[in-house]
Amino acid sequence: MSETTHILGLILAGGLARRFGGDEVQAVDKARLILAGRPLLAHVRGRLAPQVSTLALSANGDPDRYRDTGLPVLADSVPGYPGPLAGVLAGLEYAGAQGGHTHVLSVPADCPFLPLDLAARLADAAAPGGVACATSGGRRHPVVALWPVGLADRLRQALVGEDLRKVGAFLARQPLALVDFPVQPVDPFFNVNTPDDLDAASAFLSKGLAPPIQA
């Protein structure tokens, strides 16, 4: 597969952001944290949007808080904050219902330096019916992956029928292609998990190591 025009880009923003003080009662919107004068979401969107046919946002809670983005907001259809697999499932089911999409490319909302050739390289590597997953620096990034829409029923069964929560465990059951990306000058999958990470990301930008892309 090498075509990217039928890919839905899914930005995963459904986490609780515990290391920024979030919990089950009050989640923190990491996607709204400000990096170099712009929300993290804007950095991610700017890098992902040119690579896919359309975008959607996976987020729980009041969707009106993202009204200004103009993006469709997809809540988990599986209760209890089961994690990113539920967000991927919401994206797959949404893409299937919309029609015209063959794949969903999932990325976290806290990765502001995504590769500009992410979709193309994953699409080139993906086998028919299989998943392609990004790697860098010897690590897999399971939530940065290209998923065929046809996996939706299988994923729902794993989540609801088996209570499976780990993305890697589900990927291990699928035909899987791994695509490695260089980590210099900045690991493109650097993610902002803590306030210190946010400071580090700001330093990367100020040094010109990861030029910002406008949405």
Protein backbone atom coordinates (compact mmCIF):
# COMPACT_ATOMS: atom_id res chain seq x y z
CA MET A 1 0.00 0.00 0.00
CA SER A 2 1.46 3.39 -0.95
CA GLU A 3 -1.63 5.61 -1.33
CA THR A 4 -2.34 8.12 1.47
CA THR A 5 -5.44 9.88 0.12
CA HIS A 6 -7.80 7.44 1.85
CA ILE A 7 -6.26 7.77 5.31
CA LEU A 8 -8.08 9.34 8.25
CA GLY A 9 -5.64 11.03 10.61
CA LEU A 10 -6.65 10.39 14.22
CA ILE A 11 -5.15 12.54 16.98
CA LEU A 12 -5.42 10.72 20.30
CA ALA A 13 -6.21 13.15 23.11
CA GLY A 14 -8.26 10.90 25.39
CA GLY A 15 -5.73 10.33 28.17
CA LEU A 16 -5.98 11.61 31.73
CA ALA A 17 -2.55 13.36 31.78
CA ARG A 18 -1.84 12.14 35.32
CA ARG A 19 1.66 13.65 35.38
CA PHE A 20 0.08 17.05 34.72
CA GLY A 21 -2.38 16.50 37.58
CA GLY A 22 -5.22 14.81 35.72
CA ASP A 23 -7.35 11.97 37.07
CA GLU A 24 -10.66 10.17 36.47
CA VAL A 25 -12.56 13.12 37.97
CA GLN A 26 -10.79 15.93 36.11
CA ALA A 27 -8.64 15.10 33.10
CA VAL A 28 -6.07 17.61 31.91
CA ASP A 29 -6.14 18.51 28.22
CA LYS A 30 -2.51 17.99 27.26
CA ALA A 31 -3.50 18.88 23.71
CA ARG A 32 -4.16 22.42 24.98
CA LEU A 33 -0.79 22.89 26.70
CA ILE A 34 1.11 25.78 25.14
CA LEU A 35 4.37 25.13 23.33
CA ALA A 36 6.10 28.10 21.70
CA GLY A 37 2.89 30.13 21.81
CA ARG A 38 0.65 27.45 20.27
CA PRO A 39 -1.24 24.47 21.72
CA LEU A 40 0.41 21.07 21.34
CA LEU A 41 -2.58 20.10 19.22
CA ALA A 42 -1.73 22.81 16.70
CA HIS A 43 1.82 21.47 16.31
CA VAL A 44 0.56 17.92 15.78
CA ARG A 45 -2.17 19.03 13.42
CA GLY A 46 0.20 21.12 11.35
CA ARG A 47 2.46 18.15 10.74
CA LEU A 48 -0.24 15.52 10.22
CA ALA A 49 -2.88 17.35 8.16
CA PRO A 50 -0.92 17.54 4.88
CA GLN A 51 -0.31 13.78 5.01
CA VAL A 52 -3.90 12.52 5.25
CA SER A 53 -7.28 13.10 3.63
CA THR A 54 -9.01 14.34 6.78
CA LEU A 55 -8.53 14.61 10.54
CA ALA A 56 -10.48 13.63 13.64
CA LEU A 57 -9.79 14.02 17.34
CA SER A 58 -10.18 11.23 19.89
CA ALA A 59 -11.19 12.86 23.18
CA ASN A 60 -13.53 12.18 26.08
CA GLY A 61 -15.56 14.68 28.09
CA ASP A 62 -17.31 17.76 26.75
CA PRO A 63 -16.58 17.94 23.01
CA ASP A 64 -17.44 21.66 22.92
CA ARG A 65 -14.05 22.48 24.38
CA TYR A 66 -12.60 21.56 20.98
CA ARG A 67 -15.25 23.35 18.95
CA ASP A 68 -12.72 25.98 17.83
CA THR A 69 -10.63 23.32 16.07
CA GLY A 70 -13.42 22.42 13.64
CA LEU A 71 -12.46 18.76 13.99
CA PRO A 72 -14.91 15.94 14.63
CA VAL A 73 -14.46 14.81 18.25
CA LEU A 74 -14.79 11.07 18.82
CA ALA A 75 -15.49 9.84 22.34
CA ASP A 76 -14.66 6.31 23.47
CA SER A 77 -17.52 3.90 22.86
CA VAL A 78 -16.07 1.58 25.53
CA PRO A 79 -16.57 2.86 29.11
CA GLY A 80 -14.03 3.23 31.88
CA TYR A 81 -11.15 5.04 30.15
CA PRO A 82 -9.67 1.80 28.74
CA GLY A 83 -6.84 3.67 27.03
CA PRO A 84 -5.66 4.42 23.51
CA LEU A 85 -7.04 1.22 21.98
CA ALA A 86 -10.52 2.59 22.64
CA GLY A 87 -9.58 5.77 20.82
CA VAL A 88 -8.29 3.76 17.87
CA LEU A 89 -11.53 1.78 17.84
CA ALA A 90 -13.57 4.99 17.77
CA GLY A 91 -11.48 6.18 14.84
CA LEU A 92 -11.84 2.93 12.91
CA GLU A 93 -15.60 2.84 13.43
CA TYR A 94 -15.96 6.50 12.48
CA ALA A 95 -13.88 6.01 9.33
CA GLY A 96 -15.93 2.98 8.37
CA ALA A 97 -19.21 4.84 8.87
CA GLN A 98 -18.02 7.84 6.86
CA GLY A 99 -16.92 5.73 3.93
CA GLY A 100 -14.03 6.45 1.59
CA HIS A 101 -11.31 5.66 4.12
CA THR A 102 -9.29 2.46 4.01
CA HIS A 103 -6.98 3.22 6.94
CA VAL A 104 -6.63 5.26 10.11
CA LEU A 105 -3.30 6.79 11.10
CA SER A 106 -3.23 7.27 14.87
CA VAL A 107 -0.84 9.67 16.60
CA PRO A 108 -0.73 11.09 20.14
CA ALA A 109 -1.70 14.70 20.77
CA ASP A 110 1.51 15.18 22.75
CA CYS A 111 4.05 14.46 19.97
CA PRO A 112 4.83 17.88 18.44
CA PHE A 113 7.67 16.74 16.16
CA LEU A 114 6.01 14.05 14.04
CA PRO A 115 7.79 13.13 10.77
CA LEU A 116 6.44 14.85 7.70
CA ASP A 117 6.71 11.57 5.77
CA LEU A 118 5.01 9.46 8.45
CA ALA A 119 1.91 8.49 6.48
CA ALA A 120 3.79 7.79 3.26
CA ARG A 121 6.39 5.55 4.88
CA LEU A 122 3.87 3.61 6.95
CA ALA A 123 1.62 3.19 3.91
CA ASP A 124 4.54 1.91 1.83
CA ALA A 125 5.36 -0.70 4.48
CA ALA A 126 1.87 -1.92 5.38
CA ALA A 127 0.87 -5.35 4.12
CA PRO A 128 -2.72 -5.89 2.94
CA GLY A 129 -4.88 -6.16 6.06
CA GLY A 130 -1.90 -5.50 8.31
CA VAL A 131 -0.74 -2.69 10.60
CA ALA A 132 2.37 -0.56 10.19
CA CYS A 133 3.93 0.87 13.36
CA ALA A 134 6.64 3.51 13.82
CA THR A 135 9.89 2.90 15.68
CA SER A 136 12.83 5.11 16.63
CA GLY A 137 15.90 4.78 18.79
CA GLY A 138 15.28 1.06 19.26
CA ARG A 139 11.75 1.59 20.63
CA ARG A 140 8.34 0.85 19.19
CA HIS A 141 5.64 3.50 19.31
CA PRO A 142 2.46 1.40 19.23
CA VAL A 143 0.04 4.33 19.14
CA VAL A 144 1.81 5.78 16.10
CA ALA A 145 0.42 3.30 13.64
CA LEU A 146 -1.51 2.83 10.43
CA TRP A 147 -4.58 0.64 10.96
CA PRO A 148 -6.85 -0.89 8.29
CA VAL A 149 -10.47 0.03 8.83
CA GLY A 150 -11.39 -3.64 8.57
CA LEU A 151 -9.82 -4.30 11.99
CA ALA A 152 -12.67 -2.57 13.83
CA ASP A 153 -14.69 -5.69 14.69
CA ARG A 154 -11.60 -7.59 15.81
CA LEU A 155 -10.49 -4.70 18.01
CA ARG A 156 -13.93 -4.31 19.58
CA GLN A 157 -13.97 -8.00 20.45
CA ALA A 158 -10.53 -7.70 22.06
CA LEU A 159 -11.54 -4.63 24.08
CA VAL A 160 -15.04 -5.67 25.13
CA GLY A 161 -14.89 -9.45 25.00
CA GLU A 162 -11.38 -9.93 26.41
CA ASP A 163 -10.79 -6.66 28.31
CA LEU A 164 -7.53 -6.24 26.39
CA ARG A 165 -5.92 -2.89 27.13
CA LYS A 166 -2.35 -2.94 25.82
CA VAL A 167 -1.84 -1.66 22.28
CA GLY A 168 1.26 -3.80 21.84
CA ALA A 169 -0.60 -6.94 22.80
CA PHE A 170 -3.22 -6.32 20.14
CA LEU A 171 -0.59 -5.47 17.53
CA ALA A 172 1.20 -8.73 18.27
CA ARG A 173 -1.83 -10.56 16.88
CA GLN A 174 -1.77 -8.71 13.55
CA PRO A 175 0.50 -8.82 10.51
CA LEU A 176 2.86 -6.04 11.56
CA ALA A 177 5.38 -3.92 9.68
CA LEU A 178 7.86 -1.82 11.66
CA VAL A 179 9.17 1.40 10.14
CA ASP A 180 12.20 3.05 11.73
CA PHE A 181 12.72 6.81 11.82
CA PRO A 182 15.97 8.64 12.67
CA VAL A 183 16.28 10.33 16.06
CA GLN A 184 18.58 13.14 15.00
CA PRO A 185 18.44 16.04 15.50
CA VAL A 186 15.29 15.29 17.56
CA ASP A 187 13.40 12.06 18.06
CA PRO A 188 10.23 12.71 16.02
CA PHE A 189 8.20 10.77 18.58
CA PHE A 190 9.38 12.74 21.59
CA ASN A 191 6.23 13.09 23.67
CA VAL A 192 5.32 15.62 26.32
CA ASN A 193 4.46 13.59 29.41
CA THR A 194 5.66 15.98 32.11
CA PRO A 195 6.26 19.71 32.64
CA ASP A 196 9.98 19.03 32.15
CA ASP A 197 9.22 17.46 28.78
CA LEU A 198 7.32 20.60 27.79
CA ASP A 199 10.37 22.68 28.69
CA ALA A 200 12.61 20.35 26.67
CA ALA A 201 10.33 20.60 23.64
CA SER A 202 10.43 24.39 23.90
CA ALA A 203 14.23 24.25 23.98
CA PHE A 204 14.32 22.09 20.84
CA LEU A 205 12.21 24.65 19.01
CA SER A 206 14.18 27.65 20.25
CA LYS A 207 17.42 26.04 19.02
CA GLY A 208 15.92 25.39 15.61
CA LEU A 209 16.26 21.63 15.95
CA ALA A 210 12.60 21.01 15.08
CA PRO A 211 11.19 23.88 12.99
CA PRO A 212 7.50 24.45 13.74
CA ILE A 213 4.90 23.74 11.05
CA GLN A 214 1.85 25.97 10.89
CA ALA A 215 -1.57 24.30 10.82
